């Protein structure tokens, strides 16, 4: 698949789903058995605030490769057509950056790198 012709929000769209699957798997592996508890715990990771915090950590620790940072910055700087309801615009843009990165890597079939990033974020 040619990623050069894809829009950055397409990566974010895919990344949102993949990121959530990793988080859900992680929480189940932690032994959380009740669905309500799983949902409550998942919100800490999949919320814009949580994603922004995780991305900031990756950037501050210079964990991302230059190509990956470029994807993040493209997504973060993309013009937003609507105002997010549950958070401020900067937090929302950083969350979109993380989702775009995960989606980009998934579409490129770089599953090993997704696992490395998610392990870093989830403290594995």
Protein backbone atom coordinates (compact mmCIF):
# COMPACT_ATOMS: atom_id res chain seq x y z
CA UNK A 1 0.00 0.00 0.00
CA UNK A 2 1.40 3.40 -0.96
CA UNK A 3 1.46 5.54 2.17
CA UNK A 4 2.67 8.59 0.21
CA UNK A 5 -0.80 9.21 -1.19
CA UNK A 6 -2.69 8.70 2.07
CA UNK A 7 -3.89 11.58 4.18
CA UNK A 8 -2.55 11.92 7.70
CA UNK A 9 -6.04 11.57 9.17
CA UNK A 10 -6.37 8.20 7.45
CA UNK A 11 -3.39 7.04 9.50
CA UNK A 12 -5.02 8.44 12.65
CA UNK A 13 -8.29 6.67 11.83
CA UNK A 14 -6.51 3.31 11.59
CA UNK A 15 -4.22 4.06 14.52
CA UNK A 16 -7.14 4.80 16.83
CA UNK A 17 -8.44 1.25 16.37
CA UNK A 18 -5.04 -0.47 16.60
CA UNK A 19 -4.02 1.52 19.68
CA UNK A 20 -7.24 0.55 21.44
CA UNK A 21 -6.71 -3.15 20.65
CA UNK A 22 -3.23 -3.02 22.21
CA UNK A 23 -4.58 -1.28 25.31
CA UNK A 24 -7.45 -3.74 25.70
CA UNK A 25 -5.11 -6.72 25.35
CA UNK A 26 -2.74 -5.20 27.91
CA UNK A 27 -5.54 -4.67 30.44
CA UNK A 28 -6.90 -8.18 29.99
CA UNK A 29 -3.39 -9.60 30.45
CA UNK A 30 -3.13 -7.60 33.69
CA UNK A 31 -5.94 -9.80 34.97
CA UNK A 32 -8.77 -7.28 35.02
CA UNK A 33 -11.84 -9.48 34.60
CA UNK A 34 -14.89 -7.24 34.93
CA UNK A 35 -15.95 -5.37 31.82
CA UNK A 36 -16.83 -2.21 33.76
CA UNK A 37 -13.36 -2.21 35.34
CA UNK A 38 -11.76 -2.80 31.95
CA UNK A 39 -13.66 0.12 30.46
CA UNK A 40 -12.81 2.43 33.34
CA UNK A 41 -9.11 1.54 33.17
CA UNK A 42 -9.02 1.77 29.36
CA UNK A 43 -10.20 5.38 29.47
CA UNK A 44 -6.92 6.37 31.14
CA UNK A 45 -5.07 5.15 28.07
CA UNK A 46 -7.38 5.91 25.18
CA UNK A 47 -8.49 9.39 26.21
CA UNK A 48 -6.97 12.35 24.40
CA UNK A 49 -5.34 13.43 27.67
CA UNK A 50 -3.75 10.01 28.16
CA UNK A 51 -2.57 9.79 24.56
CA UNK A 52 -1.11 13.29 24.72
CA UNK A 53 0.78 12.39 27.87
CA UNK A 54 2.16 9.20 26.32
CA UNK A 55 3.25 10.95 23.15
CA UNK A 56 4.94 13.71 25.13
CA UNK A 57 6.88 11.04 27.04
CA UNK A 58 8.02 9.41 23.78
CA UNK A 59 9.15 12.76 22.36
CA UNK A 60 10.94 13.87 25.53
CA UNK A 61 12.80 10.54 25.75
CA UNK A 62 13.79 10.73 22.05
CA UNK A 63 12.21 7.30 21.56
CA UNK A 64 10.86 8.00 18.08
CA UNK A 65 12.80 7.76 14.85
CA UNK A 66 12.97 10.89 12.63
CA UNK A 67 10.48 9.36 10.15
CA UNK A 68 8.07 8.67 13.03
CA UNK A 69 8.44 12.18 14.42
CA UNK A 70 7.60 13.54 10.98
CA UNK A 71 4.30 11.61 10.98
CA UNK A 72 3.50 12.90 14.47
CA UNK A 73 4.23 16.51 13.51
CA UNK A 74 2.22 16.26 10.30
CA UNK A 75 -0.78 15.01 12.26
CA UNK A 76 -0.31 17.50 15.07
CA UNK A 77 -0.11 20.41 12.64
CA UNK A 78 -3.04 19.30 10.49
CA UNK A 79 -5.81 21.88 10.40
CA UNK A 80 -8.78 20.77 12.50
CA UNK A 81 -12.23 21.33 11.01
CA UNK A 82 -14.07 21.02 14.31
CA UNK A 83 -13.45 21.80 17.96
CA UNK A 84 -13.07 18.78 20.20
CA UNK A 85 -15.76 18.55 22.89
CA UNK A 86 -13.93 16.86 25.72
CA UNK A 87 -10.47 18.47 25.65
CA UNK A 88 -8.45 21.44 24.48
CA UNK A 89 -7.20 21.65 20.91
CA UNK A 90 -3.50 21.08 21.73
CA UNK A 91 -4.20 17.89 23.69
CA UNK A 92 -6.45 16.71 20.86
CA UNK A 93 -3.75 17.35 18.25
CA UNK A 94 -1.13 15.44 20.23
CA UNK A 95 -3.53 12.52 20.62
CA UNK A 96 -4.12 12.59 16.87
CA UNK A 97 -0.34 12.54 16.39
CA UNK A 98 0.01 9.35 18.41
CA UNK A 99 -2.89 7.70 16.60
CA UNK A 100 -1.45 8.69 13.21
CA UNK A 101 1.91 7.21 14.14
CA UNK A 102 0.39 3.89 15.17
CA UNK A 103 -1.80 3.84 12.04
CA UNK A 104 1.15 4.67 9.78
CA UNK A 105 3.24 1.86 11.25
CA UNK A 106 0.33 -0.55 10.96
CA UNK A 107 -0.29 0.27 7.32
CA UNK A 108 3.46 -0.11 6.68
CA UNK A 109 3.13 -3.51 8.43
CA UNK A 110 5.80 -2.57 10.96
CA UNK A 111 4.17 -4.53 13.77
CA UNK A 112 7.44 -4.96 15.65
CA UNK A 113 7.83 -1.20 16.00
CA UNK A 114 4.21 -0.79 17.14
CA UNK A 115 4.88 -3.38 19.83
CA UNK A 116 8.05 -1.54 20.92
CA UNK A 117 6.18 1.76 21.18
CA UNK A 118 3.21 0.25 23.00
CA UNK A 119 5.51 -1.58 25.43
CA UNK A 120 7.23 1.72 26.14
CA UNK A 121 3.91 3.48 26.71
CA UNK A 122 2.42 0.72 28.83
CA UNK A 123 5.55 0.23 30.90
CA UNK A 124 6.32 -3.26 29.68
